[in-house]
Amino acid sequence: MPPLDESDFRNYKTMEEFSKSLEGNKYLHSIYLKAVNHPLRREMLVMVNKENRISKKELLKKLMDSHILDDENIFKYNMDFLIKAFCVNETETDGEVFYEITQSGKVVEYL
């Protein structure tokens, strides 16, 4: 059997879906570790965790003002990764995007 990759799990939307198989669990664990161990993503998690809920605009400004980030495309890629790893939830209120820390994302309190 060939190794599984991201395309095998593209339709999974919840942690419960991943936990239905050993392969799903392994994949989720792998992306979770990549999410929280990456320096930029970890800094993003720290900032979201500090606020619990922060607007995209405010988070992006803080990252840029701190010279942690200078490209919005890099922000988008890394935030999408954090969302995919269930570390952050994305919500929208009155047309504005907000990020909220999840229980899994709170691991940054211990790193």
PDB file of N, CA and C in Angstrom:
ATOM      1  N   MET A   1       0.842  -1.186   0.000  1.00  0.00           N
ATOM      2  CA  MET A   1       0.000   0.000   0.000  1.00  0.00           C
ATOM      3  C   MET A   1       0.885   1.247   0.000  1.00  0.00           C
ATOM      4  N   PRO A   2       0.655   2.193  -0.925  1.00  0.00           N
ATOM      5  CA  PRO A   2       1.485   3.406  -0.974  1.00  0.00           C
ATOM      6  C   PRO A   2       1.225   4.289   0.250  1.00  0.00           C
ATOM      7  N   PRO A   3       2.220   5.089   0.634  1.00  0.00           N
ATOM      8  CA  PRO A   3       2.016   5.994   1.779  1.00  0.00           C
ATOM      9  C   PRO A   3       0.906   7.003   1.480  1.00  0.00           C
ATOM     10  N   LEU A   4       0.203   7.381   2.524  1.00  0.00           N
ATOM     11  CA  LEU A   4      -0.881   8.353   2.392  1.00  0.00           C
ATOM     12  C   LEU A   4      -0.309   9.762   2.404  1.00  0.00           C
ATOM     13  N   ASP A   5      -0.960  10.657   1.686  1.00  0.00           N
ATOM     14  CA  ASP A   5      -0.540  12.051   1.692  1.00  0.00           C
ATOM     15  C   ASP A   5      -1.766  12.943   1.885  1.00  0.00           C
ATOM     16  N   GLU A   6      -1.527  14.235   1.788  1.00  0.00           N
ATOM     17  CA  GLU A   6      -2.576  15.217   2.059  1.00  0.00           C
ATOM     18  C   GLU A   6      -3.831  14.990   1.220  1.00  0.00           C
ATOM     19  N   SER A   7      -3.666  14.566  -0.018  1.00  0.00           N
ATOM     20  CA  SER A   7      -4.833  14.380  -0.891  1.00  0.00           C
ATOM     21  C   SER A   7      -5.767  13.296  -0.375  1.00  0.00           C
ATOM     22  N   ASP A   8      -5.236  12.350   0.398  1.00  0.00           N
ATOM     23  CA  ASP A   8      -6.083  11.298   0.958  1.00  0.00           C
ATOM     24  C   ASP A   8      -7.016  11.823   2.052  1.00  0.00           C
ATOM     25  N   PHE A   9      -6.711  12.988   2.591  1.00  0.00           N
ATOM     26  CA  PHE A   9      -7.473  13.533   3.719  1.00  0.00           C
ATOM     27  C   PHE A   9      -8.107  14.885   3.419  1.00  0.00           C
ATOM     28  N   ARG A  10      -8.113  15.309   2.173  1.00  0.00           N
ATOM     29  CA  ARG A  10      -8.572  16.660   1.836  1.00  0.00           C
ATOM     30  C   ARG A  10     -10.037  16.919   2.188  1.00  0.00           C
ATOM     31  N   ASN A  11     -10.846  15.896   2.296  1.00  0.00           N
ATOM     32  CA  ASN A  11     -12.261  16.096   2.610  1.00  0.00           C
ATOM     33  C   ASN A  11     -12.558  15.988   4.104  1.00  0.00           C
ATOM     34  N   TYR A  12     -11.556  15.730   4.902  1.00  0.00           N
ATOM     35  CA  TYR A  12     -11.759  15.613   6.350  1.00  0.00           C
ATOM     36  C   TYR A  12     -11.891  17.010   6.944  1.00  0.00           C
ATOM     37  N   LYS A  13     -12.913  17.221   7.746  1.00  0.00           N
ATOM     38  CA  LYS A  13     -13.178  18.549   8.314  1.00  0.00           C
ATOM     39  C   LYS A  13     -13.080  18.598   9.838  1.00  0.00           C
ATOM     40  N   THR A  14     -13.036  17.425  10.490  1.00  0.00           N
ATOM     41  CA  THR A  14     -13.002  17.411  11.953  1.00  0.00           C
ATOM     42  C   THR A  14     -11.928  16.448  12.456  1.00  0.00           C
ATOM     43  N   MET A  15     -11.530  16.633  13.700  1.00  0.00           N
ATOM     44  CA  MET A  15     -10.567  15.731  14.316  1.00  0.00           C
ATOM     45  C   MET A  15     -11.148  14.320  14.397  1.00  0.00           C
ATOM     46  N   GLU A  16     -12.448  14.226  14.575  1.00  0.00           N
ATOM     47  CA  GLU A  16     -13.106  12.921  14.688  1.00  0.00           C
ATOM     48  C   GLU A  16     -12.949  12.116  13.396  1.00  0.00           C
ATOM     49  N   GLU A  17     -13.010  12.792  12.268  1.00  0.00           N
ATOM     50  CA  GLU A  17     -12.835  12.090  10.988  1.00  0.00           C
ATOM     51  C   GLU A  17     -11.422  11.507  10.889  1.00  0.00           C
ATOM     52  N   PHE A  18     -10.433  12.258  11.327  1.00  0.00           N
ATOM     53  CA  PHE A  18      -9.064  11.763  11.296  1.00  0.00           C
ATOM     54  C   PHE A  18      -8.887  10.586  12.251  1.00  0.00           C
ATOM     55  N   SER A  19      -9.574  10.623  13.382  1.00  0.00           N
ATOM     56  CA  SER A  19      -9.376   9.591  14.405  1.00  0.00           C
ATOM     57  C   SER A  19     -10.036   8.261  14.064  1.00  0.00           C
ATOM     58  N   LYS A  20     -10.755   8.183  12.972  1.00  0.00           N
ATOM     59  CA  LYS A  20     -11.417   6.929  12.584  1.00  0.00           C
ATOM     60  C   LYS A  20     -10.448   5.888  12.037  1.00  0.00           C
ATOM     61  N   SER A  21      -9.226   6.313  11.697  1.00  0.00           N
ATOM     62  CA  SER A  21      -8.247   5.353  11.186  1.00  0.00           C
ATOM     63  C   SER A  21      -6.872   5.676  11.750  1.00  0.00           C
ATOM     64  N   LEU A  22      -6.048   4.657  11.799  1.00  0.00           N
ATOM     65  CA  LEU A  22      -4.675   4.838  12.254  1.00  0.00           C
ATOM     66  C   LEU A  22      -3.929   5.792  11.323  1.00  0.00           C
ATOM     67  N   GLU A  23      -4.159   5.644  10.014  1.00  0.00           N
ATOM     68  CA  GLU A  23      -3.500   6.507   9.033  1.00  0.00           C
ATOM     69  C   GLU A  23      -3.916   7.966   9.219  1.00  0.00           C
ATOM     70  N   GLY A  24      -5.205   8.180   9.475  1.00  0.00           N
ATOM     71  CA  GLY A  24      -5.707   9.527   9.714  1.00  0.00           C
ATOM     72  C   GLY A  24      -5.088  10.141  10.950  1.00  0.00           C
ATOM     73  N   ASN A  25      -5.002   9.360  12.014  1.00  0.00           N
ATOM     74  CA  ASN A  25      -4.370   9.822  13.253  1.00  0.00           C
ATOM     75  C   ASN A  25      -2.918  10.195  13.023  1.00  0.00           C
ATOM     76  N   LYS A  26      -2.207   9.351  12.299  1.00  0.00           N
ATOM     77  CA  LYS A  26      -0.791   9.627  12.029  1.00  0.00           C
ATOM     78  C   LYS A  26      -0.634  10.909  11.212  1.00  0.00           C
ATOM     79  N   TYR A  27      -1.483  11.065  10.201  1.00  0.00           N
ATOM     80  CA  TYR A  27      -1.404  12.264   9.370  1.00  0.00           C
ATOM     81  C   TYR A  27      -1.689  13.517  10.185  1.00  0.00           C
ATOM     82  N   LEU A  28      -2.754  13.494  10.980  1.00  0.00           N
ATOM     83  CA  LEU A  28      -3.106  14.654  11.800  1.00  0.00           C
ATOM     84  C   LEU A  28      -1.984  14.978  12.784  1.00  0.00           C
ATOM     85  N   HIS A  29      -1.427  13.956  13.405  1.00  0.00           N
ATOM     86  CA  HIS A  29      -0.327  14.174  14.345  1.00  0.00           C
ATOM     87  C   HIS A  29       0.872  14.813  13.637  1.00  0.00           C
ATOM     88  N   SER A  30       1.138  14.348  12.430  1.00  0.00           N
ATOM     89  CA  SER A  30       2.254  14.883  11.644  1.00  0.00           C
ATOM     90  C   SER A  30       2.059  16.368  11.331  1.00  0.00           C
ATOM     91  N   ILE A  31       0.873  16.746  10.851  1.00  0.00           N
ATOM     92  CA  ILE A  31       0.676  18.168  10.519  1.00  0.00           C
ATOM     93  C   ILE A  31       0.608  19.024  11.778  1.00  0.00           C
ATOM     94  N   TYR A  32       0.097  18.459  12.859  1.00  0.00           N
ATOM     95  CA  TYR A  32       0.052  19.195  14.131  1.00  0.00           C
ATOM     96  C   TYR A  32       1.476  19.525  14.592  1.00  0.00           C
ATOM     97  N   LEU A  33       2.359  18.539  14.548  1.00  0.00           N
ATOM     98  CA  LEU A  33       3.743  18.781  14.962  1.00  0.00           C
ATOM     99  C   LEU A  33       4.424  19.803  14.058  1.00  0.00           C
ATOM    100  N   LYS A  34       4.168  19.726  12.755  1.00  0.00           N
ATOM    101  CA  LYS A  34       4.732  20.707  11.829  1.00  0.00           C
ATOM    102  C   LYS A  34       4.176  22.103  12.108  1.00  0.00           C
ATOM    103  N   ALA A  35       2.940  22.159  12.536  1.00  0.00           N
ATOM    104  CA  ALA A  35       2.311  23.454  12.828  1.00  0.00           C
ATOM    105  C   ALA A  35       2.936  24.104  14.052  1.00  0.00           C
ATOM    106  N   VAL A  36       3.025  23.380  15.150  1.00  0.00           N
ATOM    107  CA  VAL A  36       3.460  24.000  16.408  1.00  0.00           C
ATOM    108  C   VAL A  36       4.969  24.115  16.539  1.00  0.00           C
ATOM    109  N   ASN A  37       5.733  23.376  15.727  1.00  0.00           N
ATOM    110  CA  ASN A  37       7.190  23.437  15.814  1.00  0.00           C
ATOM    111  C   ASN A  37       7.822  24.424  14.849  1.00  0.00           C
ATOM    112  N   HIS A  38       7.038  25.004  13.961  1.00  0.00           N
ATOM    113  CA  HIS A  38       7.559  25.992  13.015  1.00  0.00           C
ATOM    114  C   HIS A  38       7.656  27.345  13.728  1.00  0.00           C
ATOM    115  N   PRO A  39       8.809  28.017  13.687  1.00  0.00           N
ATOM    116  CA  PRO A  39       8.983  29.269  14.449  1.00  0.00           C
ATOM    117  C   PRO A  39       7.940  30.353  14.140  1.00  0.00           C
ATOM    118  N   LEU A  40       7.630  30.582  12.882  1.00  0.00           N
ATOM    119  CA  LEU A  40       6.650  31.620  12.541  1.00  0.00           C
ATOM    120  C   LEU A  40       5.254  31.220  13.011  1.00  0.00           C
ATOM    121  N   ARG A  41       4.874  29.984  12.752  1.00  0.00           N
ATOM    122  CA  ARG A  41       3.539  29.540  13.172  1.00  0.00           C
ATOM    123  C   ARG A  41       3.423  29.542  14.687  1.00  0.00           C
ATOM    124  N   ARG A  42       4.494  29.185  15.372  1.00  0.00           N
ATOM    125  CA  ARG A  42       4.463  29.214  16.840  1.00  0.00           C
ATOM    126  C   ARG A  42       4.258  30.642  17.337  1.00  0.00           C
ATOM    127  N   GLU A  43       4.932  31.605  16.724  1.00  0.00           N
ATOM    128  CA  GLU A  43       4.761  33.010  17.113  1.00  0.00           C
ATOM    129  C   GLU A  43       3.334  33.472  16.840  1.00  0.00           C
ATOM    130  N   MET A  44       2.772  33.030  15.719  1.00  0.00           N
ATOM    131  CA  MET A  44       1.377  33.370  15.403  1.00  0.00           C
ATOM    132  C   MET A  44       0.446  32.787  16.463  1.00  0.00           C
ATOM    133  N   LEU A  45       0.701  31.542  16.861  1.00  0.00           N
ATOM    134  CA  LEU A  45      -0.121  30.912  17.902  1.00  0.00           C
ATOM    135  C   LEU A  45      -0.009  31.656  19.227  1.00  0.00           C
ATOM    136  N   VAL A  46       1.198  32.072  19.569  1.00  0.00           N
ATOM    137  CA  VAL A  46       1.402  32.819  20.815  1.00  0.00           C
ATOM    138  C   VAL A  46       0.549  34.089  20.809  1.00  0.00           C
ATOM    139  N   MET A  47       0.556  34.800  19.695  1.00  0.00           N
ATOM    140  CA  MET A  47      -0.204  36.052  19.605  1.00  0.00           C
ATOM    141  C   MET A  47      -1.712  35.807  19.648  1.00  0.00           C
ATOM    142  N   VAL A  48      -2.178  34.786  18.960  1.00  0.00           N
ATOM    143  CA  VAL A  48      -3.613  34.482  18.989  1.00  0.00           C
ATOM    144  C   VAL A  48      -4.001  34.020  20.388  1.00  0.00           C
ATOM    145  N   ASN A  49      -3.166  33.190  21.005  1.00  0.00           N
ATOM    146  CA  ASN A  49      -3.454  32.682  22.344  1.00  0.00           C
ATOM    147  C   ASN A  49      -3.520  33.812  23.370  1.00  0.00           C
ATOM    148  N   LYS A  50      -2.647  34.778  23.220  1.00  0.00           N
ATOM    149  CA  LYS A  50      -2.619  35.910  24.162  1.00  0.00           C
ATOM    150  C   LYS A  50      -3.942  36.673  24.153  1.00  0.00           C
ATOM    151  N   GLU A  51      -4.552  36.783  22.981  1.00  0.00           N
ATOM    152  CA  GLU A  51      -5.804  37.528  22.837  1.00  0.00           C
ATOM    153  C   GLU A  51      -7.042  36.633  22.898  1.00  0.00           C
ATOM    154  N   ASN A  52      -6.875  35.332  22.702  1.00  0.00           N
ATOM    155  CA  ASN A  52      -7.953  34.351  22.558  1.00  0.00           C
ATOM    156  C   ASN A  52      -8.723  34.522  21.255  1.00  0.00           C
ATOM    157  N   ARG A  53      -8.954  35.752  20.861  1.00  0.00           N
ATOM    158  CA  ARG A  53      -9.639  36.060  19.599  1.00  0.00           C
ATOM    159  C   ARG A  53      -9.063  37.376  19.086  1.00  0.00           C
ATOM    160  N   ILE A  54      -8.603  37.348  17.833  1.00  0.00           N
ATOM    161  CA  ILE A  54      -7.956  38.532  17.273  1.00  0.00           C
ATOM    162  C   ILE A  54      -8.341  38.645  15.805  1.00  0.00           C
ATOM    163  N   SER A  55      -8.495  39.861  15.339  1.00  0.00           N
ATOM    164  CA  SER A  55      -8.831  40.055  13.926  1.00  0.00           C
ATOM    165  C   SER A  55      -7.602  39.772  13.058  1.00  0.00           C
ATOM    166  N   LYS A  56      -7.858  39.367  11.846  1.00  0.00           N
ATOM    167  CA  LYS A  56      -6.782  39.110  10.892  1.00  0.00           C
ATOM    168  C   LYS A  56      -5.951  40.376  10.719  1.00  0.00           C
ATOM    169  N   LYS A  57      -6.643  41.488  10.582  1.00  0.00           N
ATOM    170  CA  LYS A  57      -5.984  42.780  10.369  1.00  0.00           C
ATOM    171  C   LYS A  57      -5.031  43.113  11.520  1.00  0.00           C
ATOM    172  N   GLU A  58      -5.507  42.936  12.758  1.00  0.00           N
ATOM    173  CA  GLU A  58      -4.689  43.251  13.938  1.00  0.00           C
ATOM    174  C   GLU A  58      -3.509  42.287  14.059  1.00  0.00           C
ATOM    175  N   LEU A  59      -3.750  40.994  13.828  1.00  0.00           N
ATOM    176  CA  LEU A  59      -2.679  40.008  13.923  1.00  0.00           C
ATOM    177  C   LEU A  59      -1.603  40.265  12.873  1.00  0.00           C
ATOM    178  N   LEU A  60      -2.027  40.517  11.667  1.00  0.00           N
ATOM    179  CA  LEU A  60      -1.077  40.801  10.590  1.00  0.00           C
ATOM    180  C   LEU A  60      -0.251  42.047  10.911  1.00  0.00           C
ATOM    181  N   LYS A  61      -0.899  43.082  11.438  1.00  0.00           N
ATOM    182  CA  LYS A  61      -0.191  44.309  11.815  1.00  0.00           C
ATOM    183  C   LYS A  61       0.847  44.035  12.907  1.00  0.00           C
ATOM    184  N   LYS A  62       0.470  43.263  13.929  1.00  0.00           N
ATOM    185  CA  LYS A  62       1.405  42.943  15.014  1.00  0.00           C
ATOM    186  C   LYS A  62       2.610  42.169  14.489  1.00  0.00           C
ATOM    187  N   LEU A  63       2.361  41.212  13.615  1.00  0.00           N
ATOM    188  CA  LEU A  63       3.459  40.418  13.060  1.00  0.00           C
ATOM    189  C   LEU A  63       4.387  41.274  12.217  1.00  0.00           C
ATOM    190  N   MET A  64       3.821  42.175  11.445  1.00  0.00           N
ATOM    191  CA  MET A  64       4.641  43.047  10.599  1.00  0.00           C
ATOM    192  C   MET A  64       5.377  44.096  11.430  1.00  0.00           C
ATOM    193  N   ASP A  65       4.699  44.682  12.412  1.00  0.00           N
ATOM    194  CA  ASP A  65       5.340  45.675  13.275  1.00  0.00           C
ATOM    195  C   ASP A  65       6.501  45.069  14.072  1.00  0.00           C
ATOM    196  N   SER A  66       6.389  43.781  14.394  1.00  0.00           N
ATOM    197  CA  SER A  66       7.434  43.086  15.150  1.00  0.00           C
ATOM    198  C   SER A  66       8.539  42.543  14.244  1.00  0.00           C
ATOM    199  N   HIS A  67       8.407  42.780  12.945  1.00  0.00           N
ATOM    200  CA  HIS A  67       9.368  42.304  11.943  1.00  0.00           C
ATOM    201  C   HIS A  67       9.489  40.782  11.940  1.00  0.00           C
ATOM    202  N   ILE A  68       8.399  40.122  12.312  1.00  0.00           N
ATOM    203  CA  ILE A  68       8.336  38.664  12.271  1.00  0.00           C
ATOM    204  C   ILE A  68       7.925  38.222  10.875  1.00  0.00           C
ATOM    205  N   LEU A  69       7.198  39.087  10.208  1.00  0.00           N
ATOM    206  CA  LEU A  69       6.609  38.767   8.913  1.00  0.00           C
ATOM    207  C   LEU A  69       6.580  40.022   8.063  1.00  0.00           C
ATOM    208  N   ASP A  70       6.767  39.852   6.758  1.00  0.00           N
ATOM    209  CA  ASP A  70       6.692  41.028   5.887  1.00  0.00           C
ATOM    210  C   ASP A  70       5.888  40.773   4.610  1.00  0.00           C
ATOM    211  N   ASP A  71       5.223  39.634   4.536  1.00  0.00           N
ATOM    212  CA  ASP A  71       4.485  39.279   3.324  1.00  0.00           C
ATOM    213  C   ASP A  71       3.147  38.645   3.711  1.00  0.00           C
ATOM    214  N   GLU A  72       2.060  39.216   3.247  1.00  0.00           N
ATOM    215  CA  GLU A  72       0.739  38.706   3.593  1.00  0.00           C
ATOM    216  C   GLU A  72       0.498  37.307   3.023  1.00  0.00           C
ATOM    217  N   ASN A  73       1.122  36.970   1.908  1.00  0.00           N
ATOM    218  CA  ASN A  73       0.969  35.622   1.349  1.00  0.00           C
ATOM    219  C   ASN A  73       1.589  34.570   2.259  1.00  0.00           C
ATOM    220  N   ILE A  74       2.701  34.903   2.872  1.00  0.00           N
ATOM    221  CA  ILE A  74       3.331  33.988   3.829  1.00  0.00           C
ATOM    222  C   ILE A  74       2.427  33.831   5.047  1.00  0.00           C
ATOM    223  N   PHE A  75       1.821  34.927   5.476  1.00  0.00           N
ATOM    224  CA  PHE A  75       0.857  34.875   6.577  1.00  0.00           C
ATOM    225  C   PHE A  75      -0.280  33.919   6.236  1.00  0.00           C
ATOM    226  N   LYS A  76      -0.862  34.075   5.049  1.00  0.00           N
ATOM    227  CA  LYS A  76      -1.991  33.255   4.644  1.00  0.00           C
ATOM    228  C   LYS A  76      -1.623  31.773   4.618  1.00  0.00           C
ATOM    229  N   TYR A  77      -0.490  31.447   4.027  1.00  0.00           N
ATOM    230  CA  TYR A  77      -0.048  30.057   3.956  1.00  0.00           C
ATOM    231  C   TYR A  77       0.074  29.458   5.358  1.00  0.00           C
ATOM    232  N   ASN A  78       0.739  30.175   6.248  1.00  0.00           N
ATOM    233  CA  ASN A  78       0.973  29.651   7.594  1.00  0.00           C
ATOM    234  C   ASN A  78      -0.286  29.621   8.437  1.00  0.00           C
ATOM    235  N   MET A  79      -1.174  30.599   8.278  1.00  0.00           N
ATOM    236  CA  MET A  79      -2.430  30.564   9.018  1.00  0.00           C
ATOM    237  C   MET A  79      -3.307  29.417   8.520  1.00  0.00           C
ATOM    238  N   ASP A  80      -3.333  29.202   7.221  1.00  0.00           N
ATOM    239  CA  ASP A  80      -4.083  28.063   6.677  1.00  0.00           C
ATOM    240  C   ASP A  80      -3.564  26.747   7.253  1.00  0.00           C
ATOM    241  N   PHE A  81      -2.268  26.663   7.436  1.00  0.00           N
ATOM    242  CA  PHE A  81      -1.666  25.462   8.024  1.00  0.00           C
ATOM    243  C   PHE A  81      -2.128  25.286   9.468  1.00  0.00           C
ATOM    244  N   LEU A  82      -2.153  26.366  10.238  1.00  0.00           N
ATOM    245  CA  LEU A  82      -2.614  26.300  11.626  1.00  0.00           C
ATOM    246  C   LEU A  82      -4.087  25.910  11.708  1.00  0.00           C
ATOM    247  N   ILE A  83      -4.876  26.388  10.781  1.00  0.00           N
ATOM    248  CA  ILE A  83      -6.298  26.038  10.733  1.00  0.00           C
ATOM    249  C   ILE A  83      -6.449  24.559  10.385  1.00  0.00           C
ATOM    250  N   LYS A  84      -5.690  24.104   9.396  1.00  0.00           N
ATOM    251  CA  LYS A  84      -5.745  22.704   8.973  1.00  0.00           C
ATOM    252  C   LYS A  84      -5.332  21.766  10.106  1.00  0.00           C
ATOM    253  N   ALA A  85      -4.423  22.219  10.967  1.00  0.00           N
ATOM    254  CA  ALA A  85      -3.945  21.410  12.093  1.00  0.00           C
ATOM    255  C   ALA A  85      -4.830  21.564  13.329  1.00  0.00           C
ATOM    256  N   PHE A  86      -5.953  22.271  13.189  1.00  0.00           N
ATOM    257  CA  PHE A  86      -6.921  22.480  14.276  1.00  0.00           C
ATOM    258  C   PHE A  86      -6.332  23.232  15.468  1.00  0.00           C
ATOM    259  N   CYS A  87      -5.362  24.110  15.208  1.00  0.00           N
ATOM    260  CA  CYS A  87      -4.778  24.944  16.262  1.00  0.00           C
ATOM    261  C   CYS A  87      -5.525  26.265  16.389  1.00  0.00           C
ATOM    262  N   VAL A  88      -6.146  26.704  15.301  1.00  0.00           N
ATOM    263  CA  VAL A  88      -6.835  27.991  15.243  1.00  0.00           C
ATOM    264  C   VAL A  88      -8.139  27.797  14.470  1.00  0.00           C
ATOM    265  N   ASN A  89      -9.179  28.481  14.907  1.00  0.00           N
ATOM    266  CA  ASN A  89     -10.434  28.547  14.151  1.00  0.00           C
ATOM    267  C   ASN A  89     -10.543  29.915  13.509  1.00  0.00           C
ATOM    268  N   GLU A  90     -11.089  29.949  12.307  1.00  0.00           N
ATOM    269  CA  GLU A  90     -11.326  31.200  11.603  1.00  0.00           C
ATOM    270  C   GLU A  90     -12.828  31.463  11.601  1.00  0.00           C
ATOM    271  N   THR A  91     -13.204  32.671  11.990  1.00  0.00           N
ATOM    272  CA  THR A  91     -14.609  33.073  11.964  1.00  0.00           C
ATOM    273  C   THR A  91     -14.712  34.423  11.265  1.00  0.00           C
ATOM    274  N   GLU A  92     -15.925  34.773  10.901  1.00  0.00           N
ATOM    275  CA  GLU A  92     -16.142  36.065  10.268  1.00  0.00           C
ATOM    276  C   GLU A  92     -17.322  36.743  10.940  1.00  0.00           C
ATOM    277  N   THR A  93     -17.136  37.997  11.282  1.00  0.00           N
ATOM    278  CA  THR A  93     -18.177  38.817  11.898  1.00  0.00           C
ATOM    279  C   THR A  93     -18.238  40.135  11.160  1.00  0.00           C
ATOM    280  N   ASP A  94     -19.403  40.458  10.636  1.00  0.00           N
ATOM    281  CA  ASP A  94     -19.604  41.711   9.903  1.00  0.00           C
ATOM    282  C   ASP A  94     -18.535  41.940   8.830  1.00  0.00           C
ATOM    283  N   GLY A  95     -18.190  40.872   8.126  1.00  0.00           N
ATOM    284  CA  GLY A  95     -17.229  40.980   7.038  1.00  0.00           C
ATOM    285  C   GLY A  95     -15.775  41.000   7.458  1.00  0.00           C
ATOM    286  N   GLU A  96     -15.502  40.931   8.756  1.00  0.00           N
ATOM    287  CA  GLU A  96     -14.128  40.940   9.244  1.00  0.00           C
ATOM    288  C   GLU A  96     -13.740  39.546   9.726  1.00  0.00           C
ATOM    289  N   VAL A  97     -12.550  39.090   9.344  1.00  0.00           N
ATOM    290  CA  VAL A  97     -12.059  37.765   9.703  1.00  0.00           C
ATOM    291  C   VAL A  97     -11.383  37.831  11.071  1.00  0.00           C
ATOM    292  N   PHE A  98     -11.707  36.840  11.911  1.00  0.00           N
ATOM    293  CA  PHE A  98     -11.114  36.719  13.235  1.00  0.00           C
ATOM    294  C   PHE A  98     -10.527  35.321  13.402  1.00  0.00           C
ATOM    295  N   TYR A  99      -9.497  35.225  14.232  1.00  0.00           N
ATOM    296  CA  TYR A  99      -8.889  33.947  14.572  1.00  0.00           C
ATOM    297  C   TYR A  99      -9.055  33.713  16.058  1.00  0.00           C
ATOM    298  N   GLU A 100      -9.386  32.465  16.408  1.00  0.00           N
ATOM    299  CA  GLU A 100      -9.558  32.073  17.805  1.00  0.00           C
ATOM    300  C   GLU A 100      -8.677  30.859  18.072  1.00  0.00           C
ATOM    301  N   ILE A 101      -8.049  30.850  19.226  1.00  0.00           N
ATOM    302  CA  ILE A 101      -7.201  29.726  19.613  1.00  0.00           C
ATOM    303  C   ILE A 101      -8.096  28.539  19.951  1.00  0.00           C
ATOM    304  N   THR A 102      -7.653  27.347  19.628  1.00  0.00           N
ATOM    305  CA  THR A 102      -8.376  26.131  20.009  1.00  0.00           C
ATOM    306  C   THR A 102      -7.649  25.490  21.184  1.00  0.00           C
ATOM    307  N   GLN A 103      -8.249  24.465  21.738  1.00  0.00           N
ATOM    308  CA  GLN A 103      -7.592  23.743  22.829  1.00  0.00           C
ATOM    309  C   GLN A 103      -6.257  23.171  22.351  1.00  0.00           C
ATOM    310  N   SER A 104      -6.219  22.655  21.139  1.00  0.00           N
ATOM    311  CA  SER A 104      -4.964  22.109  20.587  1.00  0.00           C
ATOM    312  C   SER A 104      -3.915  23.205  20.407  1.00  0.00           C
ATOM    313  N   GLY A 105      -4.343  24.389  20.054  1.00  0.00           N
ATOM    314  CA  GLY A 105      -3.415  25.495  19.862  1.00  0.00           C
ATOM    315  C   GLY A 105      -2.830  26.025  21.154  1.00  0.00           C
ATOM    316  N   LYS A 106      -3.501  25.759  22.262  1.00  0.00           N
ATOM    317  CA  LYS A 106      -3.033  26.249  23.558  1.00  0.00           C
ATOM    318  C   LYS A 106      -1.741  25.566  24.011  1.00  0.00           C
ATOM    319  N   VAL A 107      -1.266  24.600  23.240  1.00  0.00           N
ATOM    320  CA  VAL A 107      -0.004  23.944  23.549  1.00  0.00           C
ATOM    321  C   VAL A 107       1.129  24.962  23.666  1.00  0.00           C
ATOM    322  N   VAL A 108       1.009  26.101  23.006  1.00  0.00           N
ATOM    323  CA  VAL A 108       2.074  27.117  23.060  1.00  0.00           C
ATOM    324  C   VAL A 108       2.286  27.630  24.478  1.00  0.00           C
ATOM    325  N   GLU A 109       1.329  27.440  25.354  1.00  0.00           N
ATOM    326  CA  GLU A 109       1.499  27.850  26.746  1.00  0.00           C
ATOM    327  C   GLU A 109       2.564  27.001  27.438  1.00  0.00           C
ATOM    328  N   TYR A 110       2.888  25.841  26.859  1.00  0.00           N
ATOM    329  CA  TYR A 110       3.818  24.900  27.475  1.00  0.00           C
ATOM    330  C   TYR A 110       5.114  24.734  26.711  1.00  0.00           C
ATOM    331  N   LEU A 111       5.259  25.450  25.595  1.00  0.00           N
ATOM    332  CA  LEU A 111       6.485  25.327  24.782  1.00  0.00           C
ATOM    333  C   LEU A 111       7.527  26.343  25.211  1.00  0.00           C
TER     334      LEU A 111
END
